[in-house]
Amino acid sequence: MLAQQVRCLTKHQVTISSRSYTDLVMELVWKAAHADPTYDIERAKVVADICKIPVTTLMKVVRHAQRTPKSVNWDVVSTKIKQ
């Protein structure tokens, strides 16, 4: 019964969903690091392990968030990234 309810995703759908997932994780990490100057590699490693995203990628996001002025918010950053 349960096997009948499971639908298979195409490769394109998996790519789209994983990209959206990665974008959400990046936003979460950026906002956390932007708000907390003590956000460090230990926290990034935990997120990286849980979310299966390379810690080096997350640390780039952390460093960017920490050097960005507090007046800048994620919406401004994300629009520049996506251009």
N, C-alpha and C. Protein backbone atom coordinates (compact mmCIF):
# COMPACT_ATOMS: atom_id res chain seq x y z
N MET A 1 0.82 -1.20 0.00
CA MET A 1 0.00 0.00 0.00
C MET A 1 0.87 1.26 0.00
N LEU A 2 1.85 1.32 0.89
CA LEU A 2 2.73 2.49 0.98
C LEU A 2 3.55 2.65 -0.29
N ALA A 3 4.02 1.56 -0.86
CA ALA A 3 4.83 1.62 -2.07
C ALA A 3 4.06 2.22 -3.23
N GLN A 4 2.78 2.08 -3.25
CA GLN A 4 1.97 2.64 -4.33
C GLN A 4 1.86 4.16 -4.21
N GLN A 5 2.01 4.69 -3.01
CA GLN A 5 1.87 6.13 -2.80
C GLN A 5 3.16 6.91 -3.08
N VAL A 6 4.27 6.23 -3.17
CA VAL A 6 5.55 6.87 -3.41
C VAL A 6 5.68 7.17 -4.90
N ARG A 7 6.03 8.42 -5.21
CA ARG A 7 6.22 8.75 -6.62
C ARG A 7 7.69 9.06 -6.85
N CYS A 8 8.17 8.70 -7.99
CA CYS A 8 9.58 8.93 -8.32
C CYS A 8 9.76 10.33 -8.88
N LEU A 9 10.83 10.96 -8.47
CA LEU A 9 11.18 12.26 -9.01
C LEU A 9 12.12 12.10 -10.19
N THR A 10 11.99 12.99 -11.15
CA THR A 10 12.92 12.97 -12.25
C THR A 10 14.24 13.61 -11.79
N LYS A 11 15.29 13.43 -12.57
CA LYS A 11 16.59 14.00 -12.22
C LYS A 11 16.49 15.52 -12.14
N HIS A 12 15.72 16.12 -13.02
CA HIS A 12 15.53 17.59 -13.02
C HIS A 12 14.85 18.04 -11.73
N GLN A 13 13.82 17.33 -11.28
CA GLN A 13 13.11 17.69 -10.06
C GLN A 13 14.02 17.56 -8.84
N VAL A 14 14.86 16.56 -8.81
CA VAL A 14 15.79 16.38 -7.70
C VAL A 14 16.79 17.52 -7.67
N THR A 15 17.29 17.92 -8.82
CA THR A 15 18.24 19.02 -8.91
C THR A 15 17.60 20.32 -8.43
N ILE A 16 16.38 20.59 -8.86
CA ILE A 16 15.67 21.80 -8.44
C ILE A 16 15.46 21.78 -6.93
N SER A 17 14.98 20.65 -6.38
CA SER A 17 14.74 20.62 -4.96
C SER A 17 16.01 20.71 -4.14
N SER A 18 17.08 20.07 -4.58
CA SER A 18 18.31 20.15 -3.81
C SER A 18 18.90 21.56 -3.89
N ARG A 19 18.71 22.24 -5.01
CA ARG A 19 19.18 23.62 -5.15
C ARG A 19 18.41 24.53 -4.20
N SER A 20 17.10 24.35 -4.14
CA SER A 20 16.30 25.15 -3.22
C SER A 20 16.70 24.87 -1.78
N TYR A 21 16.96 23.61 -1.48
CA TYR A 21 17.39 23.22 -0.14
C TYR A 21 18.71 23.90 0.21
N THR A 22 19.65 23.87 -0.70
CA THR A 22 20.95 24.51 -0.47
C THR A 22 20.78 26.01 -0.27
N ASP A 23 19.93 26.62 -1.07
CA ASP A 23 19.67 28.06 -0.91
C ASP A 23 19.11 28.37 0.47
N LEU A 24 18.20 27.54 0.95
CA LEU A 24 17.62 27.75 2.28
C LEU A 24 18.67 27.61 3.38
N VAL A 25 19.53 26.62 3.25
CA VAL A 25 20.59 26.42 4.25
C VAL A 25 21.56 27.60 4.23
N MET A 26 21.91 28.06 3.04
CA MET A 26 22.82 29.22 2.93
C MET A 26 22.21 30.45 3.58
N GLU A 27 20.92 30.66 3.36
CA GLU A 27 20.24 31.80 3.98
C GLU A 27 20.26 31.67 5.50
N LEU A 28 19.98 30.50 6.00
CA LEU A 28 19.98 30.26 7.44
C LEU A 28 21.36 30.56 8.05
N VAL A 29 22.40 30.04 7.42
CA VAL A 29 23.76 30.23 7.93
C VAL A 29 24.16 31.70 7.82
N TRP A 30 23.84 32.34 6.70
CA TRP A 30 24.19 33.75 6.52
C TRP A 30 23.55 34.61 7.60
N LYS A 31 22.25 34.39 7.82
CA LYS A 31 21.54 35.20 8.83
C LYS A 31 22.09 34.94 10.23
N ALA A 32 22.40 33.69 10.54
CA ALA A 32 22.95 33.37 11.86
C ALA A 32 24.31 34.02 12.06
N ALA A 33 25.17 33.91 11.06
CA ALA A 33 26.51 34.48 11.16
C ALA A 33 26.48 36.01 11.15
N HIS A 34 25.53 36.57 10.43
CA HIS A 34 25.39 38.03 10.36
C HIS A 34 24.96 38.59 11.72
N ALA A 35 24.11 37.85 12.41
CA ALA A 35 23.61 38.31 13.71
C ALA A 35 24.58 38.00 14.85
N ASP A 36 25.43 37.00 14.68
CA ASP A 36 26.31 36.56 15.77
C ASP A 36 27.77 36.58 15.32
N PRO A 37 28.54 37.57 15.76
CA PRO A 37 29.94 37.66 15.34
C PRO A 37 30.81 36.50 15.86
N THR A 38 30.30 35.72 16.80
CA THR A 38 31.08 34.59 17.32
C THR A 38 30.77 33.28 16.58
N TYR A 39 29.96 33.35 15.53
CA TYR A 39 29.66 32.16 14.73
C TYR A 39 30.98 31.66 14.15
N ASP A 40 31.31 30.41 14.40
CA ASP A 40 32.63 29.90 14.02
C ASP A 40 32.54 28.60 13.24
N ILE A 41 33.70 28.04 12.96
CA ILE A 41 33.79 26.83 12.14
C ILE A 41 33.14 25.63 12.83
N GLU A 42 33.13 25.62 14.14
CA GLU A 42 32.50 24.50 14.85
C GLU A 42 31.01 24.44 14.56
N ARG A 43 30.35 25.58 14.59
CA ARG A 43 28.93 25.61 14.26
C ARG A 43 28.71 25.27 12.79
N ALA A 44 29.57 25.78 11.95
CA ALA A 44 29.45 25.50 10.51
C ALA A 44 29.64 24.00 10.24
N LYS A 45 30.54 23.36 10.98
CA LYS A 45 30.75 21.91 10.80
C LYS A 45 29.50 21.12 11.16
N VAL A 46 28.81 21.54 12.21
CA VAL A 46 27.58 20.85 12.61
C VAL A 46 26.54 20.96 11.50
N VAL A 47 26.35 22.17 11.00
CA VAL A 47 25.38 22.38 9.91
C VAL A 47 25.80 21.60 8.67
N ALA A 48 27.08 21.63 8.35
CA ALA A 48 27.59 20.91 7.18
C ALA A 48 27.33 19.42 7.29
N ASP A 49 27.57 18.85 8.45
CA ASP A 49 27.34 17.42 8.65
C ASP A 49 25.86 17.07 8.55
N ILE A 50 25.02 17.88 9.15
CA ILE A 50 23.58 17.60 9.12
C ILE A 50 23.02 17.78 7.72
N CYS A 51 23.42 18.84 7.05
CA CYS A 51 22.81 19.20 5.77
C CYS A 51 23.55 18.67 4.55
N LYS A 52 24.70 18.03 4.76
CA LYS A 52 25.48 17.45 3.66
C LYS A 52 25.91 18.52 2.65
N ILE A 53 26.42 19.62 3.19
CA ILE A 53 26.96 20.72 2.37
C ILE A 53 28.42 20.89 2.81
N PRO A 54 29.35 21.11 1.88
CA PRO A 54 30.76 21.25 2.27
C PRO A 54 30.98 22.39 3.27
N VAL A 55 31.76 22.13 4.29
CA VAL A 55 32.02 23.13 5.32
C VAL A 55 32.77 24.33 4.74
N THR A 56 33.58 24.10 3.72
CA THR A 56 34.30 25.24 3.10
C THR A 56 33.32 26.22 2.46
N THR A 57 32.27 25.69 1.86
CA THR A 57 31.24 26.55 1.26
C THR A 57 30.54 27.35 2.34
N LEU A 58 30.18 26.68 3.43
CA LEU A 58 29.49 27.37 4.52
C LEU A 58 30.38 28.44 5.16
N MET A 59 31.67 28.16 5.27
CA MET A 59 32.57 29.15 5.87
C MET A 59 32.73 30.38 4.98
N LYS A 60 32.64 30.21 3.67
CA LYS A 60 32.64 31.38 2.78
C LYS A 60 31.43 32.25 3.06
N VAL A 61 30.29 31.61 3.27
CA VAL A 61 29.05 32.33 3.58
C VAL A 61 29.19 33.03 4.94
N VAL A 62 29.77 32.34 5.92
CA VAL A 62 29.95 32.90 7.25
C VAL A 62 30.85 34.13 7.19
N ARG A 63 31.98 34.01 6.51
CA ARG A 63 32.91 35.15 6.41
C ARG A 63 32.27 36.34 5.71
N HIS A 64 31.51 36.07 4.67
CA HIS A 64 30.82 37.15 3.96
C HIS A 64 29.81 37.83 4.88
N ALA A 65 29.04 37.04 5.59
CA ALA A 65 28.02 37.59 6.48
C ALA A 65 28.63 38.43 7.59
N GLN A 66 29.77 38.01 8.11
CA GLN A 66 30.38 38.72 9.22
C GLN A 66 31.05 40.02 8.79
N ARG A 67 31.45 40.13 7.56
CA ARG A 67 32.07 41.38 7.12
C ARG A 67 31.06 42.34 6.46
N THR A 68 29.84 41.87 6.27
CA THR A 68 28.80 42.71 5.68
C THR A 68 28.22 43.63 6.75
N PRO A 69 28.02 44.90 6.44
CA PRO A 69 27.45 45.83 7.44
C PRO A 69 26.08 45.35 7.94
N LYS A 70 25.78 45.67 9.18
CA LYS A 70 24.53 45.23 9.79
C LYS A 70 23.30 45.80 9.08
N SER A 71 23.45 46.88 8.37
CA SER A 71 22.30 47.49 7.67
C SER A 71 21.88 46.68 6.43
N VAL A 72 22.73 45.78 5.99
CA VAL A 72 22.43 44.95 4.81
C VAL A 72 21.67 43.71 5.27
N ASN A 73 20.62 43.34 4.53
CA ASN A 73 19.89 42.13 4.89
C ASN A 73 20.04 41.08 3.79
N TRP A 74 19.54 39.89 4.06
CA TRP A 74 19.69 38.76 3.15
C TRP A 74 19.08 39.02 1.78
N ASP A 75 17.97 39.72 1.73
CA ASP A 75 17.30 39.98 0.44
C ASP A 75 18.23 40.71 -0.52
N VAL A 76 18.97 41.68 -0.01
CA VAL A 76 19.92 42.42 -0.85
C VAL A 76 21.03 41.50 -1.33
N VAL A 77 21.57 40.71 -0.44
CA VAL A 77 22.68 39.80 -0.78
C VAL A 77 22.21 38.75 -1.78
N SER A 78 21.06 38.14 -1.53
CA SER A 78 20.60 37.05 -2.39
C SER A 78 20.29 37.52 -3.81
N THR A 79 19.80 38.74 -3.97
CA THR A 79 19.53 39.23 -5.32
C THR A 79 20.84 39.45 -6.09
N LYS A 80 21.89 39.87 -5.40
CA LYS A 80 23.20 40.03 -6.07
C LYS A 80 23.81 38.70 -6.42
N ILE A 81 23.60 37.69 -5.58
CA ILE A 81 24.14 36.36 -5.84
C ILE A 81 23.45 35.74 -7.05
N LYS A 82 22.17 35.92 -7.18
CA LYS A 82 21.39 35.26 -8.22
C LYS A 82 21.48 35.95 -9.58
N GLN A 83 22.09 37.14 -9.64
CA GLN A 83 22.20 37.84 -10.93
C GLN A 83 23.22 37.21 -11.83
